[in-house]
Amino acid sequence: MFAWDSSTGEMIRRFELPRGAMGVNGVSISADNKYVVAVDKSTYHNVHMFSMTTGNSIRGFPMKGDSNVIYDISFSQREGEYKFCTTGVRHCYFWDKNGTKKRGTGAGTESHCVNCWDDSGNAYTGGQSGAVYYYANGGSAKKISAHKGFVCAIRWADNQLFTGAADGIRIWSTGGGPPRTTSTRNDFDGTQIRAIDYY
């Protein structure tokens, strides 16, 4: 696994996953660029955490993720906070740098394809049912009706949440509590939205 300078194309760091990892399903970098986390494709979908400075694995990692597939992993965007979330088939867990792992509550056994965080430490996941789940400070989920099918894309930026599914894209305001819809775009002819970015 490699980290690159997006301006120069220069490789910054190489991270070595142990034998048997079988590839990488997801990667995320902490808000202060000090750590990187990844989930592999092994039987237990192990979760890895590395120092961006040295490339070394953080003590206590890798940790077993789940026997079910994990699709996504993302760090909290709060500066200096090293919490992160993994989502997948009947899977939603919250982790931290110290190796603490806890199941996300309030979403039952629903599968989640994607997740992201805001810079206040709140997490968001996209569910198979079309719902978006809001975890205030990583607490119990609040279910919000969002799309008509699996939410396969999610991104937070500038106090806005962007979600995508086969029925289009929705933009949400996230200031001061659970997200609230501000606009919808559905002119994609039923194409499944797989990724969203914003800058």
Protein backbone atom coordinates (compact mmCIF):
# COMPACT_ATOMS: atom_id res chain seq x y z
CA MET A 1 0.00 0.00 0.00
CA PHE A 2 1.39 3.44 -0.94
CA ALA A 3 0.89 7.12 -0.06
CA TRP A 4 1.60 9.69 -2.75
CA ASP A 5 2.07 13.45 -2.96
CA SER A 6 -0.87 14.52 -5.15
CA SER A 7 0.96 17.67 -6.31
CA THR A 8 4.23 16.07 -7.44
CA GLY A 9 3.27 12.43 -7.97
CA GLU A 10 6.11 11.44 -5.65
CA MET A 11 5.70 8.38 -3.44
CA ILE A 12 5.76 9.46 0.22
CA ARG A 13 5.49 6.17 2.05
CA ARG A 14 5.09 2.44 1.53
CA PHE A 15 3.06 0.35 3.98
CA GLU A 16 3.42 -3.42 4.09
CA LEU A 17 0.44 -5.60 4.91
CA PRO A 18 1.22 -9.08 6.24
CA ARG A 19 1.15 -12.19 4.10
CA GLY A 20 -2.39 -13.39 3.47
CA ALA A 21 -3.98 -9.92 3.34
CA MET A 22 -5.05 -10.64 -0.27
CA GLY A 23 -5.49 -6.97 -1.19
CA VAL A 24 -7.10 -3.84 0.21
CA ASN A 25 -10.81 -2.94 0.25
CA GLY A 26 -10.59 0.55 1.76
CA VAL A 27 -8.16 3.21 2.99
CA SER A 28 -8.53 6.42 5.04
CA ILE A 29 -6.10 9.06 6.35
CA SER A 30 -6.60 10.91 9.65
CA ALA A 31 -7.56 14.60 9.55
CA ASP A 32 -4.04 15.63 10.65
CA ASN A 33 -2.32 13.23 8.20
CA LYS A 34 -0.55 11.35 11.01
CA TYR A 35 -2.15 7.93 10.53
CA VAL A 36 -3.63 5.75 7.81
CA VAL A 37 -6.09 2.89 8.28
CA ALA A 38 -6.97 0.12 5.84
CA VAL A 39 -9.12 -2.99 5.68
CA ASP A 40 -7.85 -6.04 3.82
CA LYS A 41 -9.53 -8.84 1.85
CA SER A 42 -8.47 -11.75 4.06
CA THR A 43 -10.94 -14.19 5.63
CA TYR A 44 -11.38 -11.94 8.67
CA HIS A 45 -11.08 -8.63 6.77
CA ASN A 46 -8.40 -7.41 9.15
CA VAL A 47 -8.14 -3.72 10.03
CA HIS A 48 -4.67 -2.11 9.88
CA MET A 49 -3.35 1.19 11.24
CA PHE A 50 0.00 2.71 10.29
CA SER A 51 2.06 5.78 11.12
CA MET A 52 2.32 8.09 8.10
CA THR A 53 5.73 9.27 9.38
CA THR A 54 7.45 5.90 9.78
CA GLY A 55 5.23 3.48 7.86
CA ASN A 56 5.19 1.21 10.91
CA SER A 57 2.08 -0.59 12.15
CA ILE A 58 0.52 0.92 15.29
CA ARG A 59 0.72 -1.29 18.38
CA GLY A 60 -2.27 -3.61 18.65
CA PHE A 61 -2.93 -3.66 14.90
CA PRO A 62 -3.89 -5.43 12.72
CA MET A 63 -7.16 -6.46 14.37
CA LYS A 64 -9.80 -8.85 13.12
CA GLY A 65 -12.57 -6.98 11.35
CA ASP A 66 -15.36 -9.41 10.48
CA SER A 67 -15.91 -12.67 8.60
CA ASN A 68 -18.44 -10.69 6.53
CA VAL A 69 -17.13 -8.41 3.79
CA ILE A 70 -16.15 -4.88 4.86
CA TYR A 71 -16.70 -2.35 2.07
CA ASP A 72 -15.54 0.95 3.54
CA ILE A 73 -13.40 2.55 6.24
CA SER A 74 -13.10 6.23 7.19
CA PHE A 75 -11.49 8.42 9.84
CA SER A 76 -13.22 11.10 11.88
CA GLN A 77 -12.55 14.53 10.35
CA ARG A 78 -12.16 16.13 13.78
CA GLU A 79 -8.57 17.33 14.12
CA GLY A 80 -6.54 15.17 16.52
CA GLU A 81 -9.28 12.54 16.88
CA TYR A 82 -8.28 9.04 15.83
CA LYS A 83 -11.65 7.30 15.69
CA PHE A 84 -12.75 5.53 12.54
CA CYS A 85 -15.66 3.48 11.23
CA THR A 86 -15.94 0.32 9.12
CA THR A 87 -19.07 -0.70 7.23
CA GLY A 88 -20.01 -3.78 5.24
CA VAL A 89 -22.32 -6.79 5.07
CA ARG A 90 -24.37 -6.68 8.30
CA HIS A 91 -21.46 -4.70 9.72
CA CYS A 92 -20.97 -1.28 11.31
CA TYR A 93 -18.18 -0.86 13.86
CA PHE A 94 -16.40 2.05 15.50
CA TRP A 95 -12.69 1.85 16.36
CA ASP A 96 -9.95 4.01 17.84
CA LYS A 97 -6.15 4.19 17.90
CA ASN A 98 -6.02 2.29 21.20
CA GLY A 99 -7.61 -0.77 19.61
CA THR A 100 -11.10 -0.26 21.03
CA LYS A 101 -13.78 -1.79 18.78
CA LYS A 102 -17.54 -1.46 19.32
CA ARG A 103 -20.54 -2.32 17.21
CA GLY A 104 -22.62 0.58 15.94
CA THR A 105 -26.05 0.50 17.59
CA GLY A 106 -29.46 1.53 16.32
CA ALA A 107 -29.21 0.07 12.80
CA GLY A 108 -29.97 -3.58 13.56
CA THR A 109 -28.31 -6.05 11.17
CA GLU A 110 -28.63 -3.88 8.07
CA SER A 111 -25.73 -3.89 5.62
CA HIS A 112 -23.95 -0.59 5.04
CA CYS A 113 -21.94 0.11 1.89
CA VAL A 114 -20.33 3.46 2.81
CA ASN A 115 -19.53 5.75 5.71
CA CYS A 116 -18.00 9.15 6.45
CA TRP A 117 -17.51 11.63 9.31
CA ASP A 118 -17.78 15.36 9.80
CA ASP A 119 -15.34 17.62 11.65
CA SER A 120 -17.46 17.55 14.83
CA GLY A 121 -16.97 13.81 15.35
CA ASN A 122 -20.35 12.70 13.98
CA ALA A 123 -20.49 9.67 11.67
CA TYR A 124 -22.85 8.85 8.78
CA THR A 125 -23.48 5.52 7.05
CA GLY A 126 -25.44 4.55 3.94
CA GLY A 127 -27.72 1.54 4.35
CA GLN A 128 -29.06 -1.20 2.11
CA SER A 129 -32.62 0.00 2.78
CA GLY A 130 -31.86 3.45 1.34
CA ALA A 131 -31.60 5.02 4.77
CA VAL A 132 -28.81 7.26 6.01
CA TYR A 133 -27.78 6.67 9.61
CA TYR A 134 -26.51 9.52 11.77
CA TYR A 135 -24.30 8.70 14.77
CA ALA A 136 -23.86 11.79 16.96
CA ASN A 137 -20.31 11.50 18.36
CA GLY A 138 -20.34 7.82 17.42
CA GLY A 139 -23.39 7.11 19.61
CA SER A 140 -26.58 5.23 18.75
CA ALA A 141 -27.84 5.70 15.19
CA LYS A 142 -30.73 7.88 14.11
CA LYS A 143 -32.32 6.44 10.95
CA ILE A 144 -33.19 8.97 8.24
CA SER A 145 -35.18 8.08 5.12
CA ALA A 146 -33.03 9.12 2.16
CA HIS A 147 -33.12 6.99 -1.01
CA LYS A 148 -35.14 4.21 -2.66
CA GLY A 149 -32.22 1.76 -2.81
CA PHE A 150 -28.78 0.92 -1.42
CA VAL A 151 -26.83 4.10 -0.60
CA CYS A 152 -23.52 3.44 -2.38
CA ALA A 153 -21.87 6.87 -2.16
CA ILE A 154 -21.42 9.34 0.70
CA ARG A 155 -19.20 12.35 1.36
CA TRP A 156 -19.14 15.15 3.93
CA ALA A 157 -17.64 18.61 3.26
CA ASP A 158 -18.33 22.21 4.29
CA ASN A 159 -21.23 21.33 6.62
CA GLN A 160 -22.95 19.41 3.84
CA LEU A 161 -23.55 15.69 3.38
CA PHE A 162 -23.75 14.29 -0.15
CA THR A 163 -25.41 10.87 -0.67
CA GLY A 164 -25.97 8.87 -3.83
CA ALA A 165 -28.01 5.85 -4.95
CA ALA A 166 -29.83 4.68 -8.10
CA ASP A 167 -32.47 7.39 -7.57
CA GLY A 168 -29.90 10.21 -7.71
CA ILE A 169 -27.98 12.49 -5.37
CA ARG A 170 -29.25 14.27 -2.27
CA ILE A 171 -27.51 17.15 -0.54
CA TRP A 172 -28.05 17.64 3.18
CA SER A 173 -27.27 20.40 5.65
CA THR A 174 -25.47 19.02 8.72
CA GLY A 175 -25.04 22.07 10.93
CA GLY A 176 -26.45 21.64 14.44
CA GLY A 177 -27.87 18.12 14.50
CA PRO A 178 -29.13 15.38 12.17
CA PRO A 179 -28.85 16.05 8.42
CA ARG A 180 -31.70 17.87 6.66
CA THR A 181 -32.27 17.69 2.89
CA THR A 182 -31.58 20.90 0.98
CA SER A 183 -31.67 19.67 -2.64
CA THR A 184 -32.02 16.60 -4.85
CA ARG A 185 -30.71 15.68 -8.30
CA ASN A 186 -32.28 12.72 -10.06
CA ASP A 187 -31.30 13.26 -13.70
CA PHE A 188 -28.99 10.23 -13.92
CA ASP A 189 -31.42 7.86 -15.72
CA GLY A 190 -31.38 5.34 -12.89
CA THR A 191 -27.59 4.89 -12.92
CA GLN A 192 -26.28 3.68 -9.55
CA ILE A 193 -24.15 6.47 -8.06
CA ARG A 194 -20.96 4.75 -6.87
CA ALA A 195 -18.78 7.69 -5.75
CA ILE A 196 -19.12 11.35 -4.80
CA ASP A 197 -16.45 13.97 -4.16
CA TYR A 198 -16.63 17.68 -3.42
CA TYR A 199 -14.04 20.42 -3.23
